[in-house]
Amino acid sequence: MKEYNIEELVSHLDFEKNKLHKIKHNLFLTAYEIEVLTKYHIRYNQYQTAKEILQEIENKIVDLEKEDQEELDQVGMSIAERDYYQNTRK
């Protein structure tokens, strides 16, 4: 069985990247999501719902190269999943 140096592995993890930050209108995005949305000039602070952000992602994604589409699509799926679990009645 292979042994791993846990301290070394943990030292390479970026915990801040996936930390949720509250933005305007009671929405939450991770630092990574904010970074990607900013990269593609999506002004996430102007929207009042996650669904509006997702709509803007859909509008932008069609004009991007395949690699960029995948990055933005992953962020969109992450936001959509969080929105579903936060706003669906159980």
C-alpha atoms as a PDB file:
ATOM      1  CA  MET A   1       0.000   0.000   0.000  1.00  0.00           C
ATOM      2  CA  LYS A   2       1.373   3.389  -1.003  1.00  0.00           C
ATOM      3  CA  GLU A   3       1.888   5.923   1.764  1.00  0.00           C
ATOM      4  CA  TYR A   4       1.096   9.609   1.310  1.00  0.00           C
ATOM      5  CA  ASN A   5       2.463  12.603   3.106  1.00  0.00           C
ATOM      6  CA  ILE A   6      -0.790  14.189   4.309  1.00  0.00           C
ATOM      7  CA  GLU A   7       0.851  17.443   5.359  1.00  0.00           C
ATOM      8  CA  GLU A   8       2.359  17.889   1.921  1.00  0.00           C
ATOM      9  CA  LEU A   9      -0.932  17.112   0.169  1.00  0.00           C
ATOM     10  CA  VAL A  10      -2.895  19.509   2.380  1.00  0.00           C
ATOM     11  CA  SER A  11      -0.345  22.261   1.840  1.00  0.00           C
ATOM     12  CA  HIS A  12      -1.239  22.239  -1.879  1.00  0.00           C
ATOM     13  CA  LEU A  13      -4.996  22.597  -1.344  1.00  0.00           C
ATOM     14  CA  ASP A  14      -6.564  25.988  -1.983  1.00  0.00           C
ATOM     15  CA  PHE A  15      -9.367  26.280   0.561  1.00  0.00           C
ATOM     16  CA  GLU A  16     -10.122  29.891  -0.348  1.00  0.00           C
ATOM     17  CA  LYS A  17     -10.972  29.009  -3.946  1.00  0.00           C
ATOM     18  CA  ASN A  18     -14.165  27.200  -2.913  1.00  0.00           C
ATOM     19  CA  LYS A  19     -15.135  29.447  -0.034  1.00  0.00           C
ATOM     20  CA  LEU A  20     -18.563  31.023  -0.491  1.00  0.00           C
ATOM     21  CA  HIS A  21     -18.794  34.808  -0.500  1.00  0.00           C
ATOM     22  CA  LYS A  22     -22.024  36.706  -0.052  1.00  0.00           C
ATOM     23  CA  ILE A  23     -22.569  39.175  -2.858  1.00  0.00           C
ATOM     24  CA  LYS A  24     -25.428  41.585  -3.451  1.00  0.00           C
ATOM     25  CA  HIS A  25     -29.051  40.455  -3.291  1.00  0.00           C
ATOM     26  CA  ASN A  26     -28.289  37.635  -0.842  1.00  0.00           C
ATOM     27  CA  LEU A  27     -26.502  35.538  -3.474  1.00  0.00           C
ATOM     28  CA  PHE A  28     -23.471  33.375  -2.752  1.00  0.00           C
ATOM     29  CA  LEU A  29     -20.597  32.608  -5.124  1.00  0.00           C
ATOM     30  CA  THR A  30     -17.254  30.925  -4.549  1.00  0.00           C
ATOM     31  CA  ALA A  31     -14.051  32.853  -5.075  1.00  0.00           C
ATOM     32  CA  TYR A  32     -13.382  30.690  -8.137  1.00  0.00           C
ATOM     33  CA  GLU A  33     -16.822  31.407  -9.621  1.00  0.00           C
ATOM     34  CA  ILE A  34     -16.291  35.131  -9.105  1.00  0.00           C
ATOM     35  CA  GLU A  35     -12.882  34.876 -10.789  1.00  0.00           C
ATOM     36  CA  VAL A  36     -14.309  33.067 -13.845  1.00  0.00           C
ATOM     37  CA  LEU A  37     -17.349  35.336 -14.155  1.00  0.00           C
ATOM     38  CA  THR A  38     -15.064  38.366 -14.008  1.00  0.00           C
ATOM     39  CA  LYS A  39     -12.765  36.821 -16.626  1.00  0.00           C
ATOM     40  CA  TYR A  40     -15.693  36.629 -19.059  1.00  0.00           C
ATOM     41  CA  HIS A  41     -16.982  40.105 -18.175  1.00  0.00           C
ATOM     42  CA  ILE A  42     -20.132  38.883 -16.426  1.00  0.00           C
ATOM     43  CA  ARG A  43     -21.091  41.500 -13.854  1.00  0.00           C
ATOM     44  CA  TYR A  44     -22.543  39.132 -11.265  1.00  0.00           C
ATOM     45  CA  ASN A  45     -23.258  41.999  -8.802  1.00  0.00           C
ATOM     46  CA  GLN A  46     -25.924  43.508 -11.051  1.00  0.00           C
ATOM     47  CA  TYR A  47     -28.185  40.433 -10.952  1.00  0.00           C
ATOM     48  CA  GLN A  48     -30.771  39.735  -8.294  1.00  0.00           C
ATOM     49  CA  THR A  49     -31.038  35.968  -8.730  1.00  0.00           C
ATOM     50  CA  ALA A  50     -28.795  33.069  -9.608  1.00  0.00           C
ATOM     51  CA  LYS A  51     -31.076  32.353 -12.558  1.00  0.00           C
ATOM     52  CA  GLU A  52     -30.246  35.779 -14.022  1.00  0.00           C
ATOM     53  CA  ILE A  53     -26.527  35.001 -13.709  1.00  0.00           C
ATOM     54  CA  LEU A  54     -27.127  31.639 -15.403  1.00  0.00           C
ATOM     55  CA  GLN A  55     -28.968  33.362 -18.237  1.00  0.00           C
ATOM     56  CA  GLU A  56     -26.039  35.710 -18.777  1.00  0.00           C
ATOM     57  CA  ILE A  57     -23.662  32.725 -18.789  1.00  0.00           C
ATOM     58  CA  GLU A  58     -25.797  31.118 -21.498  1.00  0.00           C
ATOM     59  CA  ASN A  59     -25.699  34.339 -23.531  1.00  0.00           C
ATOM     60  CA  LYS A  60     -21.888  34.591 -23.288  1.00  0.00           C
ATOM     61  CA  ILE A  61     -21.020  30.930 -23.742  1.00  0.00           C
ATOM     62  CA  VAL A  62     -22.108  30.680 -27.385  1.00  0.00           C
ATOM     63  CA  ASP A  63     -19.433  33.160 -28.501  1.00  0.00           C
ATOM     64  CA  LEU A  64     -16.518  31.417 -26.754  1.00  0.00           C
ATOM     65  CA  GLU A  65     -13.936  28.855 -27.819  1.00  0.00           C
ATOM     66  CA  LYS A  66     -14.578  25.244 -26.748  1.00  0.00           C
ATOM     67  CA  GLU A  67     -12.106  25.332 -23.846  1.00  0.00           C
ATOM     68  CA  ASP A  68     -13.565  28.572 -22.496  1.00  0.00           C
ATOM     69  CA  GLN A  69     -17.094  27.229 -22.926  1.00  0.00           C
ATOM     70  CA  GLU A  70     -16.245  24.261 -20.731  1.00  0.00           C
ATOM     71  CA  GLU A  71     -14.824  26.461 -17.976  1.00  0.00           C
ATOM     72  CA  LEU A  72     -17.837  28.764 -17.950  1.00  0.00           C
ATOM     73  CA  ASP A  73     -20.238  25.826 -18.254  1.00  0.00           C
ATOM     74  CA  GLN A  74     -18.707  24.202 -15.149  1.00  0.00           C
ATOM     75  CA  VAL A  75     -19.237  27.421 -13.205  1.00  0.00           C
ATOM     76  CA  GLY A  76     -22.810  27.604 -14.470  1.00  0.00           C
ATOM     77  CA  MET A  77     -23.515  24.040 -13.363  1.00  0.00           C
ATOM     78  CA  SER A  78     -22.094  24.775  -9.933  1.00  0.00           C
ATOM     79  CA  ILE A  79     -24.272  27.881  -9.532  1.00  0.00           C
ATOM     80  CA  ALA A  80     -27.344  26.026 -10.847  1.00  0.00           C
ATOM     81  CA  GLU A  81     -26.862  23.154  -8.417  1.00  0.00           C
ATOM     82  CA  ARG A  82     -26.465  25.487  -5.446  1.00  0.00           C
ATOM     83  CA  ASP A  83     -29.527  27.472  -6.558  1.00  0.00           C
ATOM     84  CA  TYR A  84     -31.563  24.274  -6.822  1.00  0.00           C
ATOM     85  CA  TYR A  85     -30.705  23.115  -3.295  1.00  0.00           C
ATOM     86  CA  GLN A  86     -31.176  26.561  -1.755  1.00  0.00           C
ATOM     87  CA  ASN A  87     -34.463  27.394  -3.444  1.00  0.00           C
ATOM     88  CA  THR A  88     -36.318  24.114  -3.850  1.00  0.00           C
ATOM     89  CA  ARG A  89     -38.948  23.302  -1.267  1.00  0.00           C
ATOM     90  CA  LYS A  90     -38.313  20.001   0.390  1.00  0.00           C
END
